[in-house]
Amino acid sequence: MRQLLKFAVVGVVNTALGYAVIFACMYLAGLGPATSNVIGYAVGLIISYSLNRSFTFRSAAPPRREIVRFVAIFLLAYLANFLTLVLLIRHGVHEGLAQVLAGVVYFSLSFVLNKYYVFVGS
């Protein structure tokens, strides 16, 4: 349960910092929204990996394999999130509720796969 709470805290931190980067790129650096979004998500992904490795799962494994797995799990969890969102909306679920439920799918899948596939033995 403790790791799950730490994982949630890391999620809040990387989301906040990712959005800070997005808005800084847009409003301070004058970059477009798409470019800013890519940069912000890249920064968020780096922060997420670093904090989950050191704070949540306390991994001592070599990072090379973990990084590849972490990015793969991010993409898989995002795809599951997106498909859940689309399916729920197509089946008449309110868009706001569908976003929340899809987010739960993303969070749950991401936690389980990070714990048992990325940061194995942590």
PDB file of N, CA and C in Angstrom:
ATOM      1  N   MET A   1       0.822  -1.186   0.000  1.00  0.00           N
ATOM      2  CA  MET A   1       0.000   0.000   0.000  1.00  0.00           C
ATOM      3  C   MET A   1       0.872   1.258   0.000  1.00  0.00           C
ATOM      4  N   ARG A   2       1.991   1.172   0.696  1.00  0.00           N
ATOM      5  CA  ARG A   2       2.891   2.315   0.764  1.00  0.00           C
ATOM      6  C   ARG A   2       3.458   2.677  -0.608  1.00  0.00           C
ATOM      7  N   GLN A   3       3.848   1.640  -1.378  1.00  0.00           N
ATOM      8  CA  GLN A   3       4.363   1.894  -2.719  1.00  0.00           C
ATOM      9  C   GLN A   3       3.296   2.525  -3.603  1.00  0.00           C
ATOM     10  N   LEU A   4       2.069   2.093  -3.451  1.00  0.00           N
ATOM     11  CA  LEU A   4       0.976   2.655  -4.247  1.00  0.00           C
ATOM     12  C   LEU A   4       0.800   4.141  -3.952  1.00  0.00           C
ATOM     13  N   LEU A   5       0.873   4.510  -2.689  1.00  0.00           N
ATOM     14  CA  LEU A   5       0.768   5.930  -2.316  1.00  0.00           C
ATOM     15  C   LEU A   5       1.948   6.737  -2.849  1.00  0.00           C
ATOM     16  N   LYS A   6       3.136   6.167  -2.761  1.00  0.00           N
ATOM     17  CA  LYS A   6       4.319   6.838  -3.305  1.00  0.00           C
ATOM     18  C   LYS A   6       4.182   7.015  -4.817  1.00  0.00           C
ATOM     19  N   PHE A   7       3.671   5.983  -5.487  1.00  0.00           N
ATOM     20  CA  PHE A   7       3.460   6.042  -6.925  1.00  0.00           C
ATOM     21  C   PHE A   7       2.484   7.175  -7.271  1.00  0.00           C
ATOM     22  N   ALA A   8       1.446   7.301  -6.477  1.00  0.00           N
ATOM     23  CA  ALA A   8       0.464   8.379  -6.697  1.00  0.00           C
ATOM     24  C   ALA A   8       1.101   9.748  -6.489  1.00  0.00           C
ATOM     25  N   VAL A   9       1.926   9.892  -5.466  1.00  0.00           N
ATOM     26  CA  VAL A   9       2.610  11.165  -5.207  1.00  0.00           C
ATOM     27  C   VAL A   9       3.521  11.519  -6.376  1.00  0.00           C
ATOM     28  N   VAL A  10       4.259  10.543  -6.861  1.00  0.00           N
ATOM     29  CA  VAL A  10       5.137  10.772  -8.013  1.00  0.00           C
ATOM     30  C   VAL A  10       4.303  11.209  -9.217  1.00  0.00           C
ATOM     31  N   GLY A  11       3.153  10.601  -9.404  1.00  0.00           N
ATOM     32  CA  GLY A  11       2.271  10.974 -10.508  1.00  0.00           C
ATOM     33  C   GLY A  11       1.823  12.423 -10.417  1.00  0.00           C
ATOM     34  N   VAL A  12       1.488  12.863  -9.225  1.00  0.00           N
ATOM     35  CA  VAL A  12       1.068  14.256  -9.032  1.00  0.00           C
ATOM     36  C   VAL A  12       2.241  15.201  -9.303  1.00  0.00           C
ATOM     37  N   VAL A  13       3.412  14.867  -8.788  1.00  0.00           N
ATOM     38  CA  VAL A  13       4.599  15.711  -8.978  1.00  0.00           C
ATOM     39  C   VAL A  13       4.982  15.792 -10.454  1.00  0.00           C
ATOM     40  N   ASN A  14       5.048  14.647 -11.144  1.00  0.00           N
ATOM     41  CA  ASN A  14       5.481  14.712 -12.547  1.00  0.00           C
ATOM     42  C   ASN A  14       4.431  15.386 -13.419  1.00  0.00           C
ATOM     43  N   THR A  15       3.160  15.264 -13.059  1.00  0.00           N
ATOM     44  CA  THR A  15       2.111  15.952 -13.815  1.00  0.00           C
ATOM     45  C   THR A  15       2.227  17.465 -13.620  1.00  0.00           C
ATOM     46  N   ALA A  16       2.401  17.887 -12.392  1.00  0.00           N
ATOM     47  CA  ALA A  16       2.522  19.328 -12.107  1.00  0.00           C
ATOM     48  C   ALA A  16       3.742  19.925 -12.805  1.00  0.00           C
ATOM     49  N   LEU A  17       4.874  19.246 -12.716  1.00  0.00           N
ATOM     50  CA  LEU A  17       6.084  19.755 -13.360  1.00  0.00           C
ATOM     51  C   LEU A  17       5.974  19.697 -14.879  1.00  0.00           C
ATOM     52  N   GLY A  18       5.348  18.652 -15.394  1.00  0.00           N
ATOM     53  CA  GLY A  18       5.141  18.547 -16.838  1.00  0.00           C
ATOM     54  C   GLY A  18       4.298  19.701 -17.361  1.00  0.00           C
ATOM     55  N   TYR A  19       3.215  20.022 -16.647  1.00  0.00           N
ATOM     56  CA  TYR A  19       2.386  21.159 -17.063  1.00  0.00           C
ATOM     57  C   TYR A  19       3.140  22.479 -16.916  1.00  0.00           C
ATOM     58  N   ALA A  20       3.962  22.598 -15.883  1.00  0.00           N
ATOM     59  CA  ALA A  20       4.758  23.816 -15.719  1.00  0.00           C
ATOM     60  C   ALA A  20       5.686  24.011 -16.919  1.00  0.00           C
ATOM     61  N   VAL A  21       6.283  22.928 -17.379  1.00  0.00           N
ATOM     62  CA  VAL A  21       7.160  22.993 -18.554  1.00  0.00           C
ATOM     63  C   VAL A  21       6.346  23.346 -19.799  1.00  0.00           C
ATOM     64  N   ILE A  22       5.187  22.713 -19.958  1.00  0.00           N
ATOM     65  CA  ILE A  22       4.331  23.008 -21.120  1.00  0.00           C
ATOM     66  C   ILE A  22       3.998  24.494 -21.170  1.00  0.00           C
ATOM     67  N   PHE A  23       3.525  25.041 -20.052  1.00  0.00           N
ATOM     68  CA  PHE A  23       3.122  26.449 -20.044  1.00  0.00           C
ATOM     69  C   PHE A  23       4.321  27.392 -20.155  1.00  0.00           C
ATOM     70  N   ALA A  24       5.455  27.005 -19.588  1.00  0.00           N
ATOM     71  CA  ALA A  24       6.659  27.823 -19.733  1.00  0.00           C
ATOM     72  C   ALA A  24       7.105  27.858 -21.194  1.00  0.00           C
ATOM     73  N   CYS A  25       7.040  26.702 -21.835  1.00  0.00           N
ATOM     74  CA  CYS A  25       7.410  26.658 -23.258  1.00  0.00           C
ATOM     75  C   CYS A  25       6.469  27.525 -24.097  1.00  0.00           C
ATOM     76  N   MET A  26       5.179  27.461 -23.790  1.00  0.00           N
ATOM     77  CA  MET A  26       4.201  28.213 -24.575  1.00  0.00           C
ATOM     78  C   MET A  26       4.272  29.712 -24.300  1.00  0.00           C
ATOM     79  N   TYR A  27       4.271  30.076 -23.021  1.00  0.00           N
ATOM     80  CA  TYR A  27       4.100  31.484 -22.675  1.00  0.00           C
ATOM     81  C   TYR A  27       5.392  32.239 -22.411  1.00  0.00           C
ATOM     82  N   LEU A  28       6.453  31.532 -22.102  1.00  0.00           N
ATOM     83  CA  LEU A  28       7.734  32.209 -21.876  1.00  0.00           C
ATOM     84  C   LEU A  28       8.676  32.046 -23.072  1.00  0.00           C
ATOM     85  N   ALA A  29       8.681  30.842 -23.646  1.00  0.00           N
ATOM     86  CA  ALA A  29       9.584  30.586 -24.775  1.00  0.00           C
ATOM     87  C   ALA A  29       8.923  30.829 -26.125  1.00  0.00           C
ATOM     88  N   GLY A  30       7.609  30.986 -26.129  1.00  0.00           N
ATOM     89  CA  GLY A  30       6.901  31.276 -27.367  1.00  0.00           C
ATOM     90  C   GLY A  30       6.756  30.098 -28.319  1.00  0.00           C
ATOM     91  N   LEU A  31       6.872  28.879 -27.792  1.00  0.00           N
ATOM     92  CA  LEU A  31       6.710  27.693 -28.632  1.00  0.00           C
ATOM     93  C   LEU A  31       5.231  27.384 -28.825  1.00  0.00           C
ATOM     94  N   GLY A  32       4.912  26.641 -29.853  1.00  0.00           N
ATOM     95  CA  GLY A  32       3.532  26.257 -30.118  1.00  0.00           C
ATOM     96  C   GLY A  32       3.044  25.226 -29.126  1.00  0.00           C
ATOM     97  N   PRO A  33       1.722  25.044 -29.045  1.00  0.00           N
ATOM     98  CA  PRO A  33       1.169  24.109 -28.073  1.00  0.00           C
ATOM     99  C   PRO A  33       1.586  22.655 -28.306  1.00  0.00           C
ATOM    100  N   ALA A  34       1.677  22.216 -29.547  1.00  0.00           N
ATOM    101  CA  ALA A  34       2.059  20.828 -29.811  1.00  0.00           C
ATOM    102  C   ALA A  34       3.509  20.570 -29.386  1.00  0.00           C
ATOM    103  N   THR A  35       4.409  21.459 -29.772  1.00  0.00           N
ATOM    104  CA  THR A  35       5.823  21.322 -29.382  1.00  0.00           C
ATOM    105  C   THR A  35       5.960  21.391 -27.871  1.00  0.00           C
ATOM    106  N   SER A  36       5.253  22.321 -27.260  1.00  0.00           N
ATOM    107  CA  SER A  36       5.294  22.470 -25.801  1.00  0.00           C
ATOM    108  C   SER A  36       4.795  21.213 -25.108  1.00  0.00           C
ATOM    109  N   ASN A  37       3.736  20.608 -25.656  1.00  0.00           N
ATOM    110  CA  ASN A  37       3.177  19.389 -25.085  1.00  0.00           C
ATOM    111  C   ASN A  37       4.181  18.246 -25.144  1.00  0.00           C
ATOM    112  N   VAL A  38       4.847  18.076 -26.273  1.00  0.00           N
ATOM    113  CA  VAL A  38       5.843  17.010 -26.416  1.00  0.00           C
ATOM    114  C   VAL A  38       6.978  17.212 -25.418  1.00  0.00           C
ATOM    115  N   ILE A  39       7.465  18.432 -25.296  1.00  0.00           N
ATOM    116  CA  ILE A  39       8.559  18.718 -24.364  1.00  0.00           C
ATOM    117  C   ILE A  39       8.110  18.474 -22.926  1.00  0.00           C
ATOM    118  N   GLY A  40       6.912  18.948 -22.594  1.00  0.00           N
ATOM    119  CA  GLY A  40       6.393  18.766 -21.235  1.00  0.00           C
ATOM    120  C   GLY A  40       6.211  17.306 -20.878  1.00  0.00           C
ATOM    121  N   TYR A  41       5.673  16.522 -21.808  1.00  0.00           N
ATOM    122  CA  TYR A  41       5.498  15.094 -21.537  1.00  0.00           C
ATOM    123  C   TYR A  41       6.837  14.374 -21.448  1.00  0.00           C
ATOM    124  N   ALA A  42       7.799  14.774 -22.245  1.00  0.00           N
ATOM    125  CA  ALA A  42       9.136  14.170 -22.164  1.00  0.00           C
ATOM    126  C   ALA A  42       9.766  14.450 -20.802  1.00  0.00           C
ATOM    127  N   VAL A  43       9.657  15.690 -20.337  1.00  0.00           N
ATOM    128  CA  VAL A  43      10.183  16.042 -19.018  1.00  0.00           C
ATOM    129  C   VAL A  43       9.443  15.257 -17.932  1.00  0.00           C
ATOM    130  N   GLY A  44       8.120  15.183 -18.048  1.00  0.00           N
ATOM    131  CA  GLY A  44       7.326  14.426 -17.079  1.00  0.00           C
ATOM    132  C   GLY A  44       7.715  12.958 -17.038  1.00  0.00           C
ATOM    133  N   LEU A  45       7.987  12.377 -18.195  1.00  0.00           N
ATOM    134  CA  LEU A  45       8.386  10.980 -18.264  1.00  0.00           C
ATOM    135  C   LEU A  45       9.740  10.755 -17.587  1.00  0.00           C
ATOM    136  N   ILE A  46      10.664  11.669 -17.789  1.00  0.00           N
ATOM    137  CA  ILE A  46      11.982  11.575 -17.143  1.00  0.00           C
ATOM    138  C   ILE A  46      11.848  11.707 -15.632  1.00  0.00           C
ATOM    139  N   ILE A  47      11.053  12.664 -15.198  1.00  0.00           N
ATOM    140  CA  ILE A  47      10.831  12.860 -13.753  1.00  0.00           C
ATOM    141  C   ILE A  47      10.169  11.623 -13.161  1.00  0.00           C
ATOM    142  N   SER A  48       9.152  11.111 -13.852  1.00  0.00           N
ATOM    143  CA  SER A  48       8.442   9.931 -13.371  1.00  0.00           C
ATOM    144  C   SER A  48       9.388   8.741 -13.222  1.00  0.00           C
ATOM    145  N   TYR A  49      10.188   8.491 -14.247  1.00  0.00           N
ATOM    146  CA  TYR A  49      11.127   7.370 -14.162  1.00  0.00           C
ATOM    147  C   TYR A  49      12.093   7.562 -12.991  1.00  0.00           C
ATOM    148  N   SER A  50      12.676   8.737 -12.900  1.00  0.00           N
ATOM    149  CA  SER A  50      13.686   8.999 -11.865  1.00  0.00           C
ATOM    150  C   SER A  50      13.104   8.853 -10.462  1.00  0.00           C
ATOM    151  N   LEU A  51      11.952   9.451 -10.220  1.00  0.00           N
ATOM    152  CA  LEU A  51      11.350   9.389  -8.884  1.00  0.00           C
ATOM    153  C   LEU A  51      10.822   7.991  -8.563  1.00  0.00           C
ATOM    154  N   ASN A  52      10.231   7.325  -9.543  1.00  0.00           N
ATOM    155  CA  ASN A  52       9.753   5.970  -9.273  1.00  0.00           C
ATOM    156  C   ASN A  52      10.913   5.018  -9.020  1.00  0.00           C
ATOM    157  N   ARG A  53      11.994   5.202  -9.750  1.00  0.00           N
ATOM    158  CA  ARG A  53      13.175   4.356  -9.545  1.00  0.00           C
ATOM    159  C   ARG A  53      13.766   4.553  -8.151  1.00  0.00           C
ATOM    160  N   SER A  54      13.934   5.808  -7.745  1.00  0.00           N
ATOM    161  CA  SER A  54      14.618   6.080  -6.482  1.00  0.00           C
ATOM    162  C   SER A  54      13.688   6.138  -5.274  1.00  0.00           C
ATOM    163  N   PHE A  55      12.496   6.682  -5.426  1.00  0.00           N
ATOM    164  CA  PHE A  55      11.603   6.935  -4.296  1.00  0.00           C
ATOM    165  C   PHE A  55      10.562   5.823  -4.121  1.00  0.00           C
ATOM    166  N   THR A  56       9.874   5.476  -5.176  1.00  0.00           N
ATOM    167  CA  THR A  56       8.775   4.514  -5.056  1.00  0.00           C
ATOM    168  C   THR A  56       9.273   3.085  -4.918  1.00  0.00           C
ATOM    169  N   PHE A  57      10.114   2.662  -5.849  1.00  0.00           N
ATOM    170  CA  PHE A  57      10.523   1.258  -5.896  1.00  0.00           C
ATOM    171  C   PHE A  57      11.947   1.012  -5.410  1.00  0.00           C
ATOM    172  N   ARG A  58      12.727   2.066  -5.196  1.00  0.00           N
ATOM    173  CA  ARG A  58      14.102   1.966  -4.691  1.00  0.00           C
ATOM    174  C   ARG A  58      14.920   0.912  -5.438  1.00  0.00           C
ATOM    175  N   SER A  59      14.937   1.046  -6.746  1.00  0.00           N
ATOM    176  CA  SER A  59      15.622   0.075  -7.581  1.00  0.00           C
ATOM    177  C   SER A  59      17.126   0.301  -7.581  1.00  0.00           C
ATOM    178  N   ALA A  60      17.850  -0.806  -7.537  1.00  0.00           N
ATOM    179  CA  ALA A  60      19.306  -0.755  -7.634  1.00  0.00           C
ATOM    180  C   ALA A  60      19.793  -1.422  -8.914  1.00  0.00           C
ATOM    181  N   ALA A  61      18.871  -1.842  -9.742  1.00  0.00           N
ATOM    182  CA  ALA A  61      19.217  -2.512 -10.997  1.00  0.00           C
ATOM    183  C   ALA A  61      19.819  -1.508 -11.979  1.00  0.00           C
ATOM    184  N   PRO A  62      20.591  -1.990 -12.947  1.00  0.00           N
ATOM    185  CA  PRO A  62      21.108  -1.086 -13.978  1.00  0.00           C
ATOM    186  C   PRO A  62      19.938  -0.427 -14.725  1.00  0.00           C
ATOM    187  N   PRO A  63      20.016   0.865 -14.971  1.00  0.00           N
ATOM    188  CA  PRO A  63      18.871   1.578 -15.542  1.00  0.00           C
ATOM    189  C   PRO A  63      18.580   1.298 -17.012  1.00  0.00           C
ATOM    190  N   ARG A  64      19.537   0.811 -17.768  1.00  0.00           N
ATOM    191  CA  ARG A  64      19.342   0.676 -19.220  1.00  0.00           C
ATOM    192  C   ARG A  64      18.083  -0.131 -19.569  1.00  0.00           C
ATOM    193  N   ARG A  65      17.947  -1.322 -19.018  1.00  0.00           N
ATOM    194  CA  ARG A  65      16.792  -2.160 -19.318  1.00  0.00           C
ATOM    195  C   ARG A  65      15.514  -1.560 -18.716  1.00  0.00           C
ATOM    196  N   GLU A  66      15.631  -0.984 -17.543  1.00  0.00           N
ATOM    197  CA  GLU A  66      14.462  -0.378 -16.898  1.00  0.00           C
ATOM    198  C   GLU A  66      13.883   0.764 -17.733  1.00  0.00           C
ATOM    199  N   ILE A  67      14.741   1.578 -18.293  1.00  0.00           N
ATOM    200  CA  ILE A  67      14.271   2.730 -19.063  1.00  0.00           C
ATOM    201  C   ILE A  67      13.466   2.271 -20.274  1.00  0.00           C
ATOM    202  N   VAL A  68      13.966   1.299 -20.990  1.00  0.00           N
ATOM    203  CA  VAL A  68      13.251   0.777 -22.166  1.00  0.00           C
ATOM    204  C   VAL A  68      11.901   0.216 -21.731  1.00  0.00           C
ATOM    205  N   ARG A  69      11.902  -0.566 -20.675  1.00  0.00           N
ATOM    206  CA  ARG A  69      10.648  -1.138 -20.172  1.00  0.00           C
ATOM    207  C   ARG A  69       9.696  -0.046 -19.676  1.00  0.00           C
ATOM    208  N   PHE A  70      10.236   0.959 -19.015  1.00  0.00           N
ATOM    209  CA  PHE A  70       9.407   2.046 -18.480  1.00  0.00           C
ATOM    210  C   PHE A  70       8.679   2.780 -19.600  1.00  0.00           C
ATOM    211  N   VAL A  71       9.392   3.085 -20.656  1.00  0.00           N
ATOM    212  CA  VAL A  71       8.768   3.773 -21.797  1.00  0.00           C
ATOM    213  C   VAL A  71       7.731   2.869 -22.457  1.00  0.00           C
ATOM    214  N   ALA A  72       8.045   1.583 -22.586  1.00  0.00           N
ATOM    215  CA  ALA A  72       7.082   0.642 -23.180  1.00  0.00           C
ATOM    216  C   ALA A  72       5.810   0.567 -22.339  1.00  0.00           C
ATOM    217  N   ILE A  73       5.964   0.526 -21.034  1.00  0.00           N
ATOM    218  CA  ILE A  73       4.794   0.462 -20.146  1.00  0.00           C
ATOM    219  C   ILE A  73       4.011   1.761 -20.207  1.00  0.00           C
ATOM    220  N   PHE A  74       4.694   2.885 -20.275  1.00  0.00           N
ATOM    221  CA  PHE A  74       4.002   4.169 -20.438  1.00  0.00           C
ATOM    222  C   PHE A  74       3.124   4.138 -21.688  1.00  0.00           C
ATOM    223  N   LEU A  75       3.694   3.687 -22.805  1.00  0.00           N
ATOM    224  CA  LEU A  75       2.944   3.641 -24.064  1.00  0.00           C
ATOM    225  C   LEU A  75       1.772   2.663 -23.984  1.00  0.00           C
ATOM    226  N   LEU A  76       1.985   1.509 -23.390  1.00  0.00           N
ATOM    227  CA  LEU A  76       0.928   0.519 -23.241  1.00  0.00           C
ATOM    228  C   LEU A  76      -0.197   1.050 -22.346  1.00  0.00           C
ATOM    229  N   ALA A  77       0.169   1.658 -21.233  1.00  0.00           N
ATOM    230  CA  ALA A  77      -0.839   2.198 -20.306  1.00  0.00           C
ATOM    231  C   ALA A  77      -1.606   3.347 -20.954  1.00  0.00           C
ATOM    232  N   TYR A  78      -0.899   4.168 -21.717  1.00  0.00           N
ATOM    233  CA  TYR A  78      -1.583   5.260 -22.414  1.00  0.00           C
ATOM    234  C   TYR A  78      -2.553   4.707 -23.462  1.00  0.00           C
ATOM    235  N   LEU A  79      -2.146   3.675 -24.186  1.00  0.00           N
ATOM    236  CA  LEU A  79      -3.022   3.058 -25.179  1.00  0.00           C
ATOM    237  C   LEU A  79      -4.268   2.468 -24.502  1.00  0.00           C
ATOM    238  N   ALA A  80      -4.077   1.797 -23.380  1.00  0.00           N
ATOM    239  CA  ALA A  80      -5.215   1.241 -22.630  1.00  0.00           C
ATOM    240  C   ALA A  80      -6.134   2.363 -22.163  1.00  0.00           C
ATOM    241  N   ASN A  81      -5.550   3.465 -21.709  1.00  0.00           N
ATOM    242  CA  ASN A  81      -6.312   4.638 -21.290  1.00  0.00           C
ATOM    243  C   ASN A  81      -7.149   5.164 -22.443  1.00  0.00           C
ATOM    244  N   PHE A  82      -6.531   5.338 -23.580  1.00  0.00           N
ATOM    245  CA  PHE A  82      -7.201   5.905 -24.747  1.00  0.00           C
ATOM    246  C   PHE A  82      -8.325   4.990 -25.240  1.00  0.00           C
ATOM    247  N   LEU A  83      -8.040   3.690 -25.332  1.00  0.00           N
ATOM    248  CA  LEU A  83      -9.058   2.744 -25.789  1.00  0.00           C
ATOM    249  C   LEU A  83     -10.235   2.679 -24.815  1.00  0.00           C
ATOM    250  N   THR A  84      -9.942   2.709 -23.525  1.00  0.00           N
ATOM    251  CA  THR A  84     -11.004   2.728 -22.522  1.00  0.00           C
ATOM    252  C   THR A  84     -11.870   3.969 -22.687  1.00  0.00           C
ATOM    253  N   LEU A  85     -11.233   5.097 -22.865  1.00  0.00           N
ATOM    254  CA  LEU A  85     -11.952   6.356 -23.055  1.00  0.00           C
ATOM    255  C   LEU A  85     -12.898   6.272 -24.255  1.00  0.00           C
ATOM    256  N   VAL A  86     -12.368   5.837 -25.383  1.00  0.00           N
ATOM    257  CA  VAL A  86     -13.164   5.754 -26.609  1.00  0.00           C
ATOM    258  C   VAL A  86     -14.330   4.774 -26.440  1.00  0.00           C
ATOM    259  N   LEU A  87     -14.048   3.604 -25.882  1.00  0.00           N
ATOM    260  CA  LEU A  87     -15.106   2.601 -25.703  1.00  0.00           C
ATOM    261  C   LEU A  87     -16.201   3.083 -24.753  1.00  0.00           C
ATOM    262  N   LEU A  88     -15.805   3.699 -23.658  1.00  0.00           N
ATOM    263  CA  LEU A  88     -16.805   4.190 -22.709  1.00  0.00           C
ATOM    264  C   LEU A  88     -17.693   5.268 -23.334  1.00  0.00           C
ATOM    265  N   ILE A  89     -17.076   6.186 -24.044  1.00  0.00           N
ATOM    266  CA  ILE A  89     -17.853   7.259 -24.677  1.00  0.00           C
ATOM    267  C   ILE A  89     -18.792   6.685 -25.734  1.00  0.00           C
ATOM    268  N   ARG A  90     -18.302   5.732 -26.517  1.00  0.00           N
ATOM    269  CA  ARG A  90     -19.150   5.098 -27.541  1.00  0.00           C
ATOM    270  C   ARG A  90     -20.327   4.340 -26.925  1.00  0.00           C
ATOM    271  N   HIS A  91     -20.156   3.896 -25.677  1.00  0.00           N
ATOM    272  CA  HIS A  91     -21.239   3.173 -25.000  1.00  0.00           C
ATOM    273  C   HIS A  91     -22.074   4.094 -24.104  1.00  0.00           C
ATOM    274  N   GLY A  92     -21.975   5.385 -24.336  1.00  0.00           N
ATOM    275  CA  GLY A  92     -22.866   6.327 -23.678  1.00  0.00           C
ATOM    276  C   GLY A  92     -22.434   6.853 -22.321  1.00  0.00           C
ATOM    277  N   VAL A  93     -21.225   6.536 -21.882  1.00  0.00           N
ATOM    278  CA  VAL A  93     -20.747   7.061 -20.599  1.00  0.00           C
ATOM    279  C   VAL A  93     -20.400   8.533 -20.784  1.00  0.00           C
ATOM    280  N   HIS A  94     -20.764   9.355 -19.812  1.00  0.00           N
ATOM    281  CA  HIS A  94     -20.466  10.789 -19.866  1.00  0.00           C
ATOM    282  C   HIS A  94     -18.964  10.992 -20.071  1.00  0.00           C
ATOM    283  N   GLU A  95     -18.611  11.965 -20.899  1.00  0.00           N
ATOM    284  CA  GLU A  95     -17.201  12.194 -21.256  1.00  0.00           C
ATOM    285  C   GLU A  95     -16.311  12.456 -20.051  1.00  0.00           C
ATOM    286  N   GLY A  96     -16.808  13.229 -19.094  1.00  0.00           N
ATOM    287  CA  GLY A  96     -16.011  13.514 -17.891  1.00  0.00           C
ATOM    288  C   GLY A  96     -15.764  12.272 -17.069  1.00  0.00           C
ATOM    289  N   LEU A  97     -16.821  11.473 -16.860  1.00  0.00           N
ATOM    290  CA  LEU A  97     -16.682  10.225 -16.121  1.00  0.00           C
ATOM    291  C   LEU A  97     -15.779   9.257 -16.884  1.00  0.00           C
ATOM    292  N   ALA A  98     -15.926   9.224 -18.199  1.00  0.00           N
ATOM    293  CA  ALA A  98     -15.083   8.358 -19.022  1.00  0.00           C
ATOM    294  C   ALA A  98     -13.606   8.719 -18.858  1.00  0.00           C
ATOM    295  N   GLN A  99     -13.293  10.009 -18.794  1.00  0.00           N
ATOM    296  CA  GLN A  99     -11.898  10.445 -18.585  1.00  0.00           C
ATOM    297  C   GLN A  99     -11.364   9.927 -17.245  1.00  0.00           C
ATOM    298  N   VAL A 100     -12.187  10.054 -16.207  1.00  0.00           N
ATOM    299  CA  VAL A 100     -11.765   9.608 -14.872  1.00  0.00           C
ATOM    300  C   VAL A 100     -11.549   8.094 -14.867  1.00  0.00           C
ATOM    301  N   LEU A 101     -12.491   7.353 -15.415  1.00  0.00           N
ATOM    302  CA  LEU A 101     -12.364   5.892 -15.444  1.00  0.00           C
ATOM    303  C   LEU A 101     -11.167   5.449 -16.286  1.00  0.00           C
ATOM    304  N   ALA A 102     -10.945   6.103 -17.402  1.00  0.00           N
ATOM    305  CA  ALA A 102      -9.784   5.791 -18.233  1.00  0.00           C
ATOM    306  C   ALA A 102      -8.490   6.106 -17.468  1.00  0.00           C
ATOM    307  N   GLY A 103      -8.508   7.175 -16.682  1.00  0.00           N
ATOM    308  CA  GLY A 103      -7.352   7.516 -15.854  1.00  0.00           C
ATOM    309  C   GLY A 103      -7.072   6.451 -14.807  1.00  0.00           C
ATOM    310  N   VAL A 104      -8.122   5.871 -14.247  1.00  0.00           N
ATOM    311  CA  VAL A 104      -7.959   4.784 -13.275  1.00  0.00           C
ATOM    312  C   VAL A 104      -7.323   3.571 -13.951  1.00  0.00           C
ATOM    313  N   VAL A 105      -7.739   3.278 -15.167  1.00  0.00           N
ATOM    314  CA  VAL A 105      -7.137   2.176 -15.925  1.00  0.00           C
ATOM    315  C   VAL A 105      -5.648   2.451 -16.137  1.00  0.00           C
ATOM    316  N   TYR A 106      -5.325   3.677 -16.574  1.00  0.00           N
ATOM    317  CA  TYR A 106      -3.925   4.048 -16.798  1.00  0.00           C
ATOM    318  C   TYR A 106      -3.109   3.891 -15.511  1.00  0.00           C
ATOM    319  N   PHE A 107      -3.594   4.464 -14.433  1.00  0.00           N
ATOM    320  CA  PHE A 107      -2.876   4.447 -13.154  1.00  0.00           C
ATOM    321  C   PHE A 107      -2.670   3.010 -12.675  1.00  0.00           C
ATOM    322  N   SER A 108      -3.730   2.215 -12.687  1.00  0.00           N
ATOM    323  CA  SER A 108      -3.662   0.841 -12.175  1.00  0.00           C
ATOM    324  C   SER A 108      -2.715  -0.023 -12.998  1.00  0.00           C
ATOM    325  N   LEU A 109      -2.890   0.015 -14.313  1.00  0.00           N
ATOM    326  CA  LEU A 109      -2.031  -0.774 -15.191  1.00  0.00           C
ATOM    327  C   LEU A 109      -0.575  -0.336 -15.076  1.00  0.00           C
ATOM    328  N   SER A 110      -0.367   0.956 -15.034  1.00  0.00           N
ATOM    329  CA  SER A 110       0.982   1.487 -14.929  1.00  0.00           C
ATOM    330  C   SER A 110       1.649   1.052 -13.620  1.00  0.00           C
ATOM    331  N   PHE A 111       0.920   1.132 -12.513  1.00  0.00           N
ATOM    332  CA  PHE A 111       1.508   0.729 -11.233  1.00  0.00           C
ATOM    333  C   PHE A 111       1.876  -0.747 -11.240  1.00  0.00           C
ATOM    334  N   VAL A 112       0.937  -1.606 -11.621  1.00  0.00           N
ATOM    335  CA  VAL A 112       1.177  -3.046 -11.585  1.00  0.00           C
ATOM    336  C   VAL A 112       2.349  -3.434 -12.497  1.00  0.00           C
ATOM    337  N   LEU A 113       2.360  -2.909 -13.718  1.00  0.00           N
ATOM    338  CA  LEU A 113       3.432  -3.270 -14.645  1.00  0.00           C
ATOM    339  C   LEU A 113       4.777  -2.667 -14.254  1.00  0.00           C
ATOM    340  N   ASN A 114       4.777  -1.471 -13.676  1.00  0.00           N
ATOM    341  CA  ASN A 114       6.036  -0.919 -13.181  1.00  0.00           C
ATOM    342  C   ASN A 114       6.566  -1.748 -12.026  1.00  0.00           C
ATOM    343  N   LYS A 115       5.685  -2.154 -11.131  1.00  0.00           N
ATOM    344  CA  LYS A 115       6.109  -2.931  -9.959  1.00  0.00           C
ATOM    345  C   LYS A 115       6.625  -4.320 -10.348  1.00  0.00           C
ATOM    346  N   TYR A 116       5.922  -4.985 -11.273  1.00  0.00           N
ATOM    347  CA  TYR A 116       6.251  -6.378 -11.557  1.00  0.00           C
ATOM    348  C   TYR A 116       7.006  -6.613 -12.861  1.00  0.00           C
ATOM    349  N   TYR A 117       7.213  -5.574 -13.642  1.00  0.00           N
ATOM    350  CA  TYR A 117       7.937  -5.750 -14.897  1.00  0.00           C
ATOM    351  C   TYR A 117       9.118  -4.793 -15.034  1.00  0.00           C
ATOM    352  N   VAL A 118       8.939  -3.529 -14.677  1.00  0.00           N
ATOM    353  CA  VAL A 118      10.011  -2.548 -14.844  1.00  0.00           C
ATOM    354  C   VAL A 118      10.990  -2.613 -13.676  1.00  0.00           C
ATOM    355  N   PHE A 119      10.468  -2.425 -12.473  1.00  0.00           N
ATOM    356  CA  PHE A 119      11.306  -2.367 -11.278  1.00  0.00           C
ATOM    357  C   PHE A 119      11.179  -3.685 -10.512  1.00  0.00           C
ATOM    358  N   VAL A 120      11.500  -4.782 -11.157  1.00  0.00           N
ATOM    359  CA  VAL A 120      11.338  -6.122 -10.610  1.00  0.00           C
ATOM    360  C   VAL A 120      12.191  -6.285  -9.362  1.00  0.00           C
ATOM    361  N   GLY A 121      11.590  -6.882  -8.344  1.00  0.00           N
ATOM    362  CA  GLY A 121      12.312  -7.174  -7.117  1.00  0.00           C
ATOM    363  C   GLY A 121      12.421  -6.009  -6.160  1.00  0.00           C
ATOM    364  N   SER A 122      11.734  -4.918  -6.473  1.00  0.00           N
ATOM    365  CA  SER A 122      11.800  -3.751  -5.593  1.00  0.00           C
ATOM    366  C   SER A 122      10.748  -3.831  -4.519  1.00  0.00           C
TER     367      SER A 122
END
